[in-house]
Amino acid sequence: MDDGTVPEGTEAQTKVAFSKIAKCLEEAGLDFSAVVEMTTYHVAMGALFDEVKSKLLF
């Protein structure tokens, strides 16, 4: 979140993370199509992460 707080829930946290990455890319004149590889680390949320990622990226 813009105020530095962490939202409740895995889905909300994943959305915030991707939103912040998108903002950084946008400031550089890029979008996610410019990302070649991204490594993520998470515990026990693989399916949900993939679901949220697919909504945000494709």
PDB file of N, CA and C in Angstrom:
ATOM      1  N   MET A   1       0.837  -1.171   0.000  1.00  0.00           N
ATOM      2  CA  MET A   1       0.000   0.000   0.000  1.00  0.00           C
ATOM      3  C   MET A   1       0.887   1.240   0.000  1.00  0.00           C
ATOM      4  N   ASP A   2       0.345   2.308  -0.448  1.00  0.00           N
ATOM      5  CA  ASP A   2       1.147   3.527  -0.546  1.00  0.00           C
ATOM      6  C   ASP A   2       1.590   4.055   0.807  1.00  0.00           C
ATOM      7  N   ASP A   3       0.844   3.738   1.865  1.00  0.00           N
ATOM      8  CA  ASP A   3       1.216   4.236   3.186  1.00  0.00           C
ATOM      9  C   ASP A   3       2.177   3.306   3.920  1.00  0.00           C
ATOM     10  N   GLY A   4       2.600   2.223   3.256  1.00  0.00           N
ATOM     11  CA  GLY A   4       3.580   1.314   3.836  1.00  0.00           C
ATOM     12  C   GLY A   4       2.989   0.192   4.664  1.00  0.00           C
ATOM     13  N   THR A   5       1.672   0.183   4.856  1.00  0.00           N
ATOM     14  CA  THR A   5       1.065  -0.901   5.612  1.00  0.00           C
ATOM     15  C   THR A   5       0.916  -2.129   4.719  1.00  0.00           C
ATOM     16  N   VAL A   6       0.865  -3.276   5.355  1.00  0.00           N
ATOM     17  CA  VAL A   6       0.713  -4.539   4.634  1.00  0.00           C
ATOM     18  C   VAL A   6      -0.748  -4.963   4.754  1.00  0.00           C
ATOM     19  N   PRO A   7      -1.415  -5.185   3.630  1.00  0.00           N
ATOM     20  CA  PRO A   7      -2.818  -5.587   3.696  1.00  0.00           C
ATOM     21  C   PRO A   7      -2.973  -7.001   4.235  1.00  0.00           C
ATOM     22  N   GLU A   8      -4.155  -7.303   4.735  1.00  0.00           N
ATOM     23  CA  GLU A   8      -4.460  -8.645   5.226  1.00  0.00           C
ATOM     24  C   GLU A   8      -4.711  -9.574   4.047  1.00  0.00           C
ATOM     25  N   GLY A   9      -4.230 -10.773   4.136  1.00  0.00           N
ATOM     26  CA  GLY A   9      -4.537 -11.796   3.150  1.00  0.00           C
ATOM     27  C   GLY A   9      -3.515 -11.898   2.035  1.00  0.00           C
ATOM     28  N   THR A  10      -3.333 -13.122   1.590  1.00  0.00           N
ATOM     29  CA  THR A  10      -2.352 -13.422   0.556  1.00  0.00           C
ATOM     30  C   THR A  10      -2.693 -12.752  -0.767  1.00  0.00           C
ATOM     31  N   GLU A  11      -3.957 -12.805  -1.161  1.00  0.00           N
ATOM     32  CA  GLU A  11      -4.346 -12.220  -2.442  1.00  0.00           C
ATOM     33  C   GLU A  11      -4.103 -10.721  -2.457  1.00  0.00           C
ATOM     34  N   ALA A  12      -4.486 -10.035  -1.406  1.00  0.00           N
ATOM     35  CA  ALA A  12      -4.288  -8.583  -1.329  1.00  0.00           C
ATOM     36  C   ALA A  12      -2.807  -8.234  -1.332  1.00  0.00           C
ATOM     37  N   GLN A  13      -1.998  -9.005  -0.622  1.00  0.00           N
ATOM     38  CA  GLN A  13      -0.558  -8.748  -0.576  1.00  0.00           C
ATOM     39  C   GLN A  13       0.083  -8.975  -1.940  1.00  0.00           C
ATOM     40  N   THR A  14      -0.355 -10.017  -2.646  1.00  0.00           N
ATOM     41  CA  THR A  14       0.179 -10.295  -3.977  1.00  0.00           C
ATOM     42  C   THR A  14      -0.192  -9.181  -4.944  1.00  0.00           C
ATOM     43  N   LYS A  15      -1.424  -8.701  -4.872  1.00  0.00           N
ATOM     44  CA  LYS A  15      -1.855  -7.598  -5.734  1.00  0.00           C
ATOM     45  C   LYS A  15      -1.038  -6.342  -5.480  1.00  0.00           C
ATOM     46  N   VAL A  16      -0.766  -6.041  -4.211  1.00  0.00           N
ATOM     47  CA  VAL A  16       0.035  -4.863  -3.883  1.00  0.00           C
ATOM     48  C   VAL A  16       1.458  -5.016  -4.428  1.00  0.00           C
ATOM     49  N   ALA A  17       2.038  -6.203  -4.271  1.00  0.00           N
ATOM     50  CA  ALA A  17       3.402  -6.435  -4.756  1.00  0.00           C
ATOM     51  C   ALA A  17       3.489  -6.220  -6.263  1.00  0.00           C
ATOM     52  N   PHE A  18       2.553  -6.813  -7.015  1.00  0.00           N
ATOM     53  CA  PHE A  18       2.576  -6.658  -8.465  1.00  0.00           C
ATOM     54  C   PHE A  18       2.266  -5.227  -8.880  1.00  0.00           C
ATOM     55  N   SER A  19       1.424  -4.557  -8.129  1.00  0.00           N
ATOM     56  CA  SER A  19       1.110  -3.154  -8.416  1.00  0.00           C
ATOM     57  C   SER A  19       2.360  -2.288  -8.267  1.00  0.00           C
ATOM     58  N   LYS A  20       3.134  -2.553  -7.230  1.00  0.00           N
ATOM     59  CA  LYS A  20       4.362  -1.779  -7.016  1.00  0.00           C
ATOM     60  C   LYS A  20       5.394  -2.063  -8.112  1.00  0.00           C
ATOM     61  N   ILE A  21       5.481  -3.317  -8.536  1.00  0.00           N
ATOM     62  CA  ILE A  21       6.393  -3.653  -9.632  1.00  0.00           C
ATOM     63  C   ILE A  21       5.947  -2.958 -10.910  1.00  0.00           C
ATOM     64  N   ALA A  22       4.643  -2.989 -11.179  1.00  0.00           N
ATOM     65  CA  ALA A  22       4.101  -2.329 -12.375  1.00  0.00           C
ATOM     66  C   ALA A  22       4.396  -0.833 -12.362  1.00  0.00           C
ATOM     67  N   LYS A  23       4.289  -0.217 -11.194  1.00  0.00           N
ATOM     68  CA  LYS A  23       4.563   1.221 -11.076  1.00  0.00           C
ATOM     69  C   LYS A  23       6.032   1.511 -11.393  1.00  0.00           C
ATOM     70  N   CYS A  24       6.935   0.703 -10.886  1.00  0.00           N
ATOM     71  CA  CYS A  24       8.367   0.883 -11.177  1.00  0.00           C
ATOM     72  C   CYS A  24       8.638   0.722 -12.675  1.00  0.00           C
ATOM     73  N   LEU A  25       8.032  -0.294 -13.270  1.00  0.00           N
ATOM     74  CA  LEU A  25       8.208  -0.507 -14.708  1.00  0.00           C
ATOM     75  C   LEU A  25       7.668   0.676 -15.500  1.00  0.00           C
ATOM     76  N   GLU A  26       6.489   1.154 -15.108  1.00  0.00           N
ATOM     77  CA  GLU A  26       5.861   2.276 -15.803  1.00  0.00           C
ATOM     78  C   GLU A  26       6.731   3.531 -15.741  1.00  0.00           C
ATOM     79  N   GLU A  27       7.335   3.774 -14.589  1.00  0.00           N
ATOM     80  CA  GLU A  27       8.203   4.941 -14.437  1.00  0.00           C
ATOM     81  C   GLU A  27       9.420   4.854 -15.356  1.00  0.00           C
ATOM     82  N   ALA A  28       9.790   3.626 -15.732  1.00  0.00           N
ATOM     83  CA  ALA A  28      10.914   3.425 -16.646  1.00  0.00           C
ATOM     84  C   ALA A  28      10.442   3.319 -18.097  1.00  0.00           C
ATOM     85  N   GLY A  29       9.132   3.526 -18.315  1.00  0.00           N
ATOM     86  CA  GLY A  29       8.587   3.448 -19.659  1.00  0.00           C
ATOM     87  C   GLY A  29       8.379   2.025 -20.148  1.00  0.00           C
ATOM     88  N   LEU A  30       8.227   1.096 -19.216  1.00  0.00           N
ATOM     89  CA  LEU A  30       8.092  -0.322 -19.544  1.00  0.00           C
ATOM     90  C   LEU A  30       6.812  -0.894 -18.970  1.00  0.00           C
ATOM     91  N   ASP A  31       6.540  -2.150 -19.302  1.00  0.00           N
ATOM     92  CA  ASP A  31       5.452  -2.891 -18.688  1.00  0.00           C
ATOM     93  C   ASP A  31       5.926  -4.323 -18.464  1.00  0.00           C
ATOM     94  N   PHE A  32       5.032  -5.197 -18.021  1.00  0.00           N
ATOM     95  CA  PHE A  32       5.447  -6.560 -17.691  1.00  0.00           C
ATOM     96  C   PHE A  32       5.949  -7.344 -18.902  1.00  0.00           C
ATOM     97  N   SER A  33       5.642  -6.900 -20.105  1.00  0.00           N
ATOM     98  CA  SER A  33       6.156  -7.608 -21.283  1.00  0.00           C
ATOM     99  C   SER A  33       7.672  -7.482 -21.377  1.00  0.00           C
ATOM    100  N   ALA A  34       8.259  -6.532 -20.666  1.00  0.00           N
ATOM    101  CA  ALA A  34       9.707  -6.346 -20.666  1.00  0.00           C
ATOM    102  C   ALA A  34      10.409  -7.230 -19.627  1.00  0.00           C
ATOM    103  N   VAL A  35       9.637  -7.880 -18.766  1.00  0.00           N
ATOM    104  CA  VAL A  35      10.209  -8.725 -17.728  1.00  0.00           C
ATOM    105  C   VAL A  35      10.498 -10.102 -18.321  1.00  0.00           C
ATOM    106  N   VAL A  36      11.762 -10.504 -18.255  1.00  0.00           N
ATOM    107  CA  VAL A  36      12.176 -11.786 -18.814  1.00  0.00           C
ATOM    108  C   VAL A  36      12.021 -12.892 -17.785  1.00  0.00           C
ATOM    109  N   GLU A  37      12.388 -12.614 -16.558  1.00  0.00           N
ATOM    110  CA  GLU A  37      12.321 -13.624 -15.509  1.00  0.00           C
ATOM    111  C   GLU A  37      12.049 -12.937 -14.183  1.00  0.00           C
ATOM    112  N   MET A  38      11.258 -13.602 -13.348  1.00  0.00           N
ATOM    113  CA  MET A  38      10.962 -13.076 -12.023  1.00  0.00           C
ATOM    114  C   MET A  38      10.993 -14.245 -11.046  1.00  0.00           C
ATOM    115  N   THR A  39      11.759 -14.112  -9.996  1.00  0.00           N
ATOM    116  CA  THR A  39      11.837 -15.151  -8.976  1.00  0.00           C
ATOM    117  C   THR A  39      11.038 -14.696  -7.768  1.00  0.00           C
ATOM    118  N   THR A  40      10.171 -15.558  -7.282  1.00  0.00           N
ATOM    119  CA  THR A  40       9.370 -15.237  -6.102  1.00  0.00           C
ATOM    120  C   THR A  40       9.583 -16.314  -5.045  1.00  0.00           C
ATOM    121  N   TYR A  41       9.468 -15.923  -3.811  1.00  0.00           N
ATOM    122  CA  TYR A  41       9.598 -16.851  -2.691  1.00  0.00           C
ATOM    123  C   TYR A  41       8.342 -16.737  -1.845  1.00  0.00           C
ATOM    124  N   HIS A  42       7.664 -17.856  -1.663  1.00  0.00           N
ATOM    125  CA  HIS A  42       6.460 -17.861  -0.847  1.00  0.00           C
ATOM    126  C   HIS A  42       6.254 -19.250  -0.271  1.00  0.00           C
ATOM    127  N   VAL A  43       5.474 -19.308   0.793  1.00  0.00           N
ATOM    128  CA  VAL A  43       5.242 -20.567   1.485  1.00  0.00           C
ATOM    129  C   VAL A  43       3.746 -20.881   1.461  1.00  0.00           C
ATOM    130  N   ALA A  44       3.412 -22.065   0.989  1.00  0.00           N
ATOM    131  CA  ALA A  44       2.040 -22.588   1.041  1.00  0.00           C
ATOM    132  C   ALA A  44       1.007 -21.675   0.397  1.00  0.00           C
ATOM    133  N   MET A  45       1.362 -21.057  -0.725  1.00  0.00           N
ATOM    134  CA  MET A  45       0.382 -20.229  -1.413  1.00  0.00           C
ATOM    135  C   MET A  45       0.546 -20.312  -2.918  1.00  0.00           C
ATOM    136  N   GLY A  46       1.206 -21.331  -3.396  1.00  0.00           N
ATOM    137  CA  GLY A  46       1.507 -21.462  -4.811  1.00  0.00           C
ATOM    138  C   GLY A  46       0.322 -21.314  -5.743  1.00  0.00           C
ATOM    139  N   ALA A  47      -0.760 -22.033  -5.495  1.00  0.00           N
ATOM    140  CA  ALA A  47      -1.919 -21.980  -6.387  1.00  0.00           C
ATOM    141  C   ALA A  47      -2.554 -20.596  -6.381  1.00  0.00           C
ATOM    142  N   LEU A  48      -2.714 -20.010  -5.212  1.00  0.00           N
ATOM    143  CA  LEU A  48      -3.316 -18.677  -5.130  1.00  0.00           C
ATOM    144  C   LEU A  48      -2.424 -17.653  -5.795  1.00  0.00           C
ATOM    145  N   PHE A  49      -1.133 -17.725  -5.582  1.00  0.00           N
ATOM    146  CA  PHE A  49      -0.195 -16.799  -6.211  1.00  0.00           C
ATOM    147  C   PHE A  49      -0.313 -16.887  -7.727  1.00  0.00           C
ATOM    148  N   ASP A  50      -0.328 -18.099  -8.256  1.00  0.00           N
ATOM    149  CA  ASP A  50      -0.438 -18.279  -9.707  1.00  0.00           C
ATOM    150  C   ASP A  50      -1.754 -17.714 -10.235  1.00  0.00           C
ATOM    151  N   GLU A  51      -2.840 -17.897  -9.487  1.00  0.00           N
ATOM    152  CA  GLU A  51      -4.142 -17.386  -9.904  1.00  0.00           C
ATOM    153  C   GLU A  51      -4.134 -15.854  -9.961  1.00  0.00           C
ATOM    154  N   VAL A  52      -3.626 -15.225  -8.920  1.00  0.00           N
ATOM    155  CA  VAL A  52      -3.578 -13.756  -8.884  1.00  0.00           C
ATOM    156  C   VAL A  52      -2.633 -13.234  -9.953  1.00  0.00           C
ATOM    157  N   LYS A  53      -1.485 -13.868 -10.090  1.00  0.00           N
ATOM    158  CA  LYS A  53      -0.506 -13.451 -11.112  1.00  0.00           C
ATOM    159  C   LYS A  53      -1.124 -13.502 -12.509  1.00  0.00           C
ATOM    160  N   SER A  54      -1.845 -14.563 -12.802  1.00  0.00           N
ATOM    161  CA  SER A  54      -2.426 -14.695 -14.135  1.00  0.00           C
ATOM    162  C   SER A  54      -3.474 -13.607 -14.400  1.00  0.00           C
ATOM    163  N   LYS A  55      -4.193 -13.187 -13.384  1.00  0.00           N
ATOM    164  CA  LYS A  55      -5.176 -12.111 -13.523  1.00  0.00           C
ATOM    165  C   LYS A  55      -4.491 -10.775 -13.803  1.00  0.00           C
ATOM    166  N   LEU A  56      -3.340 -10.566 -13.188  1.00  0.00           N
ATOM    167  CA  LEU A  56      -2.664  -9.280 -13.288  1.00  0.00           C
ATOM    168  C   LEU A  56      -1.774  -9.158 -14.518  1.00  0.00           C
ATOM    169  N   LEU A  57      -1.247 -10.265 -15.015  1.00  0.00           N
ATOM    170  CA  LEU A  57      -0.271 -10.208 -16.089  1.00  0.00           C
ATOM    171  C   LEU A  57      -0.818 -10.525 -17.462  1.00  0.00           C
ATOM    172  N   PHE A  58      -1.891 -11.252 -17.557  1.00  0.00           N
ATOM    173  CA  PHE A  58      -2.330 -11.708 -18.871  1.00  0.00           C
ATOM    174  C   PHE A  58      -3.727 -11.284 -19.182  1.00  0.00           C
TER     175      PHE A  58
END
